[in-house]
Amino acid sequence: MIALLPELITDDGWVTLALTGAQKTASRLANYFPERFLSYAFLAVGYITPTFFATPFEEKLNLSKAVLGYENFGYWDFFSSEGADQTILDHLDSFWDISFPNDTTVTITDWSPLGALEAFITNDTRIPPVDYVTPEERAIQMEAIREGGLAAPLNWYKIARGTLEGQDDQGIPQENALIHSPVFFGAALRDYITVSAPIFLAGALVSSNSTVTIREYNSGHWVQLALPDEVNDDLLQWIEGLGLGLDA
């Protein structure tokens, strides 16, 4: 899909906004087709470098355990396992609760570590979810998940947990490992899964040889849902300040 995008993009340049799940795609667009994009904005998860997946999964877990005290990407093991999609569908209420927890510190013990997430949902554990997703919206989204399934989305983790992604990224030109355009990063201060701050916040500071704008948000992972007005205002101010001649 990355290879096809230049044929689909015909404008002089785009401002790329990477929300949850799209950060790696946006990062690789910057690596392979930097001439097609004017700037890049990342929320919660920042720019993913070409060397990010070079570190073996088990080594990542050991490093995070040593630094953070828990394996923040341990849930990749469950997501990449056979039958994980059906397990989640069979316990969808519990999975939704911990995907949108009111108290995000619960993810330190019940989402991230190896085996924790599977145990949490198969026990049908319930916790208070966030209030910014209404019961009506929750019902709509859960029905969409049941209809579409999760087998395809979880394939991302099968690739990321293995060695294929790291091998593929070896083809990125070295001169494109650094972004040559302005970067916006919105750090989610209470995201303990990706550890948005400080890990990706620190990474944002060295992600570009152009200007880097950083904003911090008192939210969990879903910063664009939790604080839409604040995030949108900051993004608009940033885009207008780029002087790109774009109509807001």
Protein backbone atom coordinates (compact mmCIF):
# COMPACT_ATOMS: atom_id res chain seq x y z
CA MET A 1 0.00 0.00 0.00
CA ILE A 2 2.87 2.39 0.81
CA ALA A 3 4.26 1.82 -2.68
CA LEU A 4 0.90 2.64 -4.29
CA LEU A 5 0.30 5.90 -2.44
CA PRO A 6 2.41 8.12 -4.72
CA GLU A 7 0.06 7.16 -7.55
CA LEU A 8 -2.92 8.19 -5.43
CA ILE A 9 -1.50 11.51 -4.20
CA THR A 10 -1.53 14.13 -6.92
CA ASP A 11 -1.42 17.39 -4.92
CA ASP A 12 1.72 19.42 -4.40
CA GLY A 13 2.01 18.19 -0.82
CA TRP A 14 0.08 16.96 2.18
CA VAL A 15 0.13 17.53 5.91
CA THR A 16 0.06 14.05 7.42
CA LEU A 17 -1.78 13.44 10.72
CA ALA A 18 -1.09 10.09 12.37
CA LEU A 19 -3.65 8.93 14.91
CA THR A 20 -3.75 5.58 16.71
CA GLY A 21 -2.57 2.76 14.48
CA ALA A 22 -1.36 5.03 11.67
CA GLN A 23 1.95 6.19 13.13
CA LYS A 24 4.03 3.53 11.43
CA THR A 25 2.39 4.24 8.08
CA ALA A 26 3.05 7.97 8.46
CA SER A 27 6.62 7.24 9.50
CA ARG A 28 7.27 5.11 6.45
CA LEU A 29 5.71 7.72 4.17
CA ALA A 30 8.28 10.13 5.56
CA ASN A 31 11.04 7.59 4.93
CA TYR A 32 10.11 6.52 1.40
CA PHE A 33 8.34 9.55 -0.09
CA PRO A 34 9.47 12.67 1.81
CA GLU A 35 8.96 14.85 -1.27
CA ARG A 36 5.22 14.20 -1.18
CA PHE A 37 4.54 15.60 2.29
CA LEU A 38 4.89 19.04 3.83
CA SER A 39 4.84 18.13 7.51
CA TYR A 40 3.86 15.39 9.95
CA ALA A 41 1.74 15.32 13.10
CA PHE A 42 1.73 12.41 15.54
CA LEU A 43 -0.54 11.86 18.54
CA ALA A 44 0.36 9.62 21.51
CA VAL A 45 2.77 7.50 19.46
CA GLY A 46 5.49 9.45 17.71
CA TYR A 47 7.73 8.88 14.72
CA ILE A 48 8.76 5.22 14.47
CA THR A 49 12.36 5.07 13.33
CA PRO A 50 13.64 2.56 10.73
CA THR A 51 15.56 0.78 13.51
CA PHE A 52 12.62 0.41 15.90
CA PHE A 53 11.76 -3.12 14.80
CA ALA A 54 15.39 -4.22 14.49
CA THR A 55 15.42 -5.05 18.21
CA PRO A 56 14.00 -8.57 18.77
CA PHE A 57 10.67 -8.67 20.59
CA GLU A 58 12.00 -10.54 23.62
CA GLU A 59 14.82 -8.02 23.97
CA LYS A 60 12.29 -5.17 23.85
CA LEU A 61 10.42 -6.78 26.72
CA ASN A 62 13.58 -7.21 28.79
CA LEU A 63 14.58 -3.58 28.20
CA SER A 64 11.17 -2.21 29.13
CA LYS A 65 11.04 -4.42 32.21
CA ALA A 66 14.41 -3.06 33.32
CA VAL A 67 13.56 0.58 32.65
CA LEU A 68 9.82 0.79 33.39
CA GLY A 69 9.34 -2.12 35.74
CA TYR A 70 6.86 -3.79 33.36
CA GLU A 71 6.75 -5.05 29.78
CA ASN A 72 4.76 -2.30 28.10
CA PHE A 73 4.55 -4.20 24.80
CA GLY A 74 3.89 -7.60 26.33
CA TYR A 75 0.34 -7.56 24.96
CA TRP A 76 1.76 -7.97 21.45
CA ASP A 77 2.30 -11.63 22.37
CA PHE A 78 -1.43 -12.16 22.95
CA PHE A 79 -2.53 -10.06 19.96
CA SER A 80 -0.26 -12.08 17.64
CA SER A 81 -1.40 -15.46 18.91
CA GLU A 82 -3.77 -17.73 17.01
CA GLY A 83 -7.38 -17.29 18.09
CA ALA A 84 -6.82 -13.97 19.85
CA ASP A 85 -9.44 -12.30 17.65
CA GLN A 86 -12.14 -14.74 18.73
CA THR A 87 -11.09 -14.58 22.37
CA ILE A 88 -11.56 -10.82 22.30
CA LEU A 89 -14.95 -11.09 20.59
CA ASP A 90 -16.06 -13.61 23.21
CA HIS A 91 -15.21 -11.14 25.98
CA LEU A 92 -15.77 -7.85 24.20
CA ASP A 93 -17.25 -5.90 27.11
CA SER A 94 -14.22 -6.59 29.27
CA PHE A 95 -11.88 -5.80 26.38
CA TRP A 96 -13.64 -2.50 25.72
CA ASP A 97 -13.42 -1.49 29.39
CA ILE A 98 -9.65 -1.90 29.51
CA SER A 99 -9.17 -0.38 26.05
CA PHE A 100 -10.84 2.79 27.34
CA PRO A 101 -10.14 2.74 31.09
CA ASN A 102 -11.04 5.67 33.27
CA ASP A 103 -7.96 4.96 35.37
CA THR A 104 -5.16 4.35 32.88
CA THR A 105 -2.77 3.05 35.54
CA VAL A 106 -4.64 -0.27 35.34
CA THR A 107 -2.91 -0.89 32.02
CA ILE A 108 0.42 -1.17 33.82
CA THR A 109 -0.73 -4.37 35.51
CA ASP A 110 -3.64 -5.68 33.44
CA TRP A 111 -2.86 -4.77 29.80
CA SER A 112 0.85 -4.52 29.14
CA PRO A 113 2.65 -7.44 30.87
CA LEU A 114 2.92 -10.83 29.19
CA GLY A 115 -0.31 -12.77 29.69
CA ALA A 116 -2.04 -9.98 31.61
CA LEU A 117 -4.53 -8.83 28.98
CA GLU A 118 -5.70 -12.33 28.05
CA ALA A 119 -6.20 -13.18 31.73
CA PHE A 120 -8.08 -9.93 32.33
CA ILE A 121 -10.62 -10.41 29.55
CA THR A 122 -11.11 -14.19 29.84
CA ASN A 123 -12.02 -13.61 33.48
CA ASP A 124 -14.62 -11.10 32.21
CA THR A 125 -13.21 -8.46 34.52
CA ARG A 126 -15.11 -5.18 34.42
CA ILE A 127 -13.76 -1.72 35.28
CA PRO A 128 -15.16 1.81 34.85
CA PRO A 129 -14.57 3.05 31.29
CA VAL A 130 -14.01 6.64 30.20
CA ASP A 131 -16.99 8.95 30.06
CA TYR A 132 -16.09 10.63 26.76
CA VAL A 133 -17.32 7.58 24.84
CA THR A 134 -21.08 7.55 25.30
CA PRO A 135 -22.99 4.28 25.79
CA GLU A 136 -24.58 4.86 22.37
CA GLU A 137 -21.20 5.26 20.67
CA ARG A 138 -19.85 2.25 22.52
CA ALA A 139 -22.74 0.12 21.25
CA ILE A 140 -22.16 1.29 17.67
CA GLN A 141 -18.43 0.58 17.80
CA MET A 142 -18.84 -2.81 19.45
CA GLU A 143 -21.36 -3.87 16.81
CA ALA A 144 -18.96 -2.78 14.07
CA ILE A 145 -16.21 -4.86 15.69
CA ARG A 146 -18.47 -7.90 15.89
CA GLU A 147 -19.45 -7.55 12.25
CA GLY A 148 -15.97 -6.92 10.87
CA GLY A 149 -14.00 -9.09 13.25
CA LEU A 150 -10.46 -8.50 14.46
CA ALA A 151 -8.45 -11.11 12.55
CA ALA A 152 -7.21 -8.63 9.95
CA PRO A 153 -6.29 -5.80 12.37
CA LEU A 154 -4.39 -8.20 14.62
CA ASN A 155 -2.21 -9.30 11.69
CA TRP A 156 -0.25 -6.07 12.30
CA TYR A 157 1.02 -7.53 15.57
CA LYS A 158 1.99 -10.84 13.97
CA ILE A 159 4.31 -8.94 11.66
CA ALA A 160 5.55 -6.52 14.32
CA ARG A 161 6.30 -9.26 16.84
CA GLY A 162 8.39 -11.21 14.34
CA THR A 163 11.35 -10.26 12.17
CA LEU A 164 9.68 -9.34 8.87
CA GLU A 165 9.17 -5.67 9.70
CA GLY A 166 12.76 -5.22 10.76
CA GLN A 167 13.97 -6.87 7.58
CA ASP A 168 11.69 -4.73 5.43
CA ASP A 169 12.86 -1.52 7.06
CA GLN A 170 16.44 -2.24 6.04
CA GLY A 171 15.49 -0.95 2.60
CA ILE A 172 14.86 2.58 3.87
CA PRO A 173 17.45 5.04 2.50
CA GLN A 174 19.76 6.12 5.30
CA GLU A 175 19.39 9.78 4.34
CA ASN A 176 15.64 9.50 4.96
CA ALA A 177 15.90 8.07 8.47
CA LEU A 178 15.58 11.62 9.77
CA ILE A 179 12.46 13.60 8.86
CA HIS A 180 13.30 16.71 6.83
CA SER A 181 10.00 18.51 7.48
CA PRO A 182 8.27 20.12 10.47
CA VAL A 183 6.93 17.67 13.06
CA PHE A 184 4.14 18.04 15.63
CA PHE A 185 3.95 15.58 18.51
CA GLY A 186 1.11 15.44 21.00
CA ALA A 187 2.22 13.46 24.06
CA ALA A 188 -0.42 11.64 26.10
CA LEU A 189 0.89 11.96 29.65
CA ARG A 190 -1.24 9.13 31.05
CA ASP A 191 -0.60 6.61 28.28
CA TYR A 192 1.31 3.87 30.10
CA ILE A 193 1.12 1.35 27.26
CA THR A 194 3.07 3.18 24.57
CA VAL A 195 4.66 5.34 27.29
CA SER A 196 3.98 8.37 25.12
CA ALA A 197 5.88 10.51 27.61
CA PRO A 198 8.77 10.34 28.04
CA ILE A 199 9.80 7.76 25.41
CA PHE A 200 8.14 9.11 22.27
CA LEU A 201 8.35 12.67 23.56
CA ALA A 202 12.12 12.36 23.81
CA GLY A 203 12.21 10.71 20.39
CA ALA A 204 10.26 13.57 18.86
CA LEU A 205 12.98 16.02 19.81
CA VAL A 206 15.47 14.24 17.54
CA SER A 207 13.06 12.99 14.86
CA SER A 208 13.49 15.92 12.50
CA ASN A 209 16.21 18.29 11.36
CA SER A 210 13.45 20.86 10.86
CA THR A 211 11.24 22.38 13.55
CA VAL A 212 9.62 20.14 16.17
CA THR A 213 6.52 21.29 18.06
CA ILE A 214 5.54 19.37 21.20
CA ARG A 215 2.31 19.62 23.16
CA GLU A 216 1.50 17.62 26.28
CA TYR A 217 -2.01 16.40 27.10
CA ASN A 218 -3.36 15.11 30.40
CA SER A 219 -4.98 12.05 28.88
CA GLY A 220 -4.58 8.38 28.17
CA HIS A 221 -3.85 6.91 24.75
CA TRP A 222 -6.96 8.24 22.97
CA VAL A 223 -5.96 11.87 23.22
CA GLN A 224 -7.97 12.99 20.18
CA LEU A 225 -11.14 11.59 21.76
CA ALA A 226 -10.45 12.73 25.29
CA LEU A 227 -9.51 16.34 24.50
CA PRO A 228 -10.77 17.08 20.97
CA ASP A 229 -11.05 20.86 21.30
CA GLU A 230 -7.60 21.27 22.83
CA VAL A 231 -5.96 18.96 20.30
CA ASN A 232 -7.73 20.50 17.31
CA ASP A 233 -6.85 24.04 18.43
CA ASP A 234 -3.19 23.11 18.82
CA LEU A 235 -3.07 21.38 15.45
CA LEU A 236 -4.75 24.29 13.70
CA GLN A 237 -2.36 26.78 15.32
CA TRP A 238 0.59 24.62 14.27
CA ILE A 239 -0.60 24.23 10.67
CA GLU A 240 -1.30 27.95 10.31
CA GLY A 241 2.13 28.71 11.73
CA LEU A 242 3.85 26.62 9.08
CA GLY A 243 3.15 29.25 6.44
CA LEU A 244 2.22 26.67 3.85
CA GLY A 245 -0.50 28.76 2.25
CA LEU A 246 -3.16 26.17 3.08
CA ASP A 247 -6.80 27.07 3.64
CA ALA A 248 -7.70 26.11 7.22
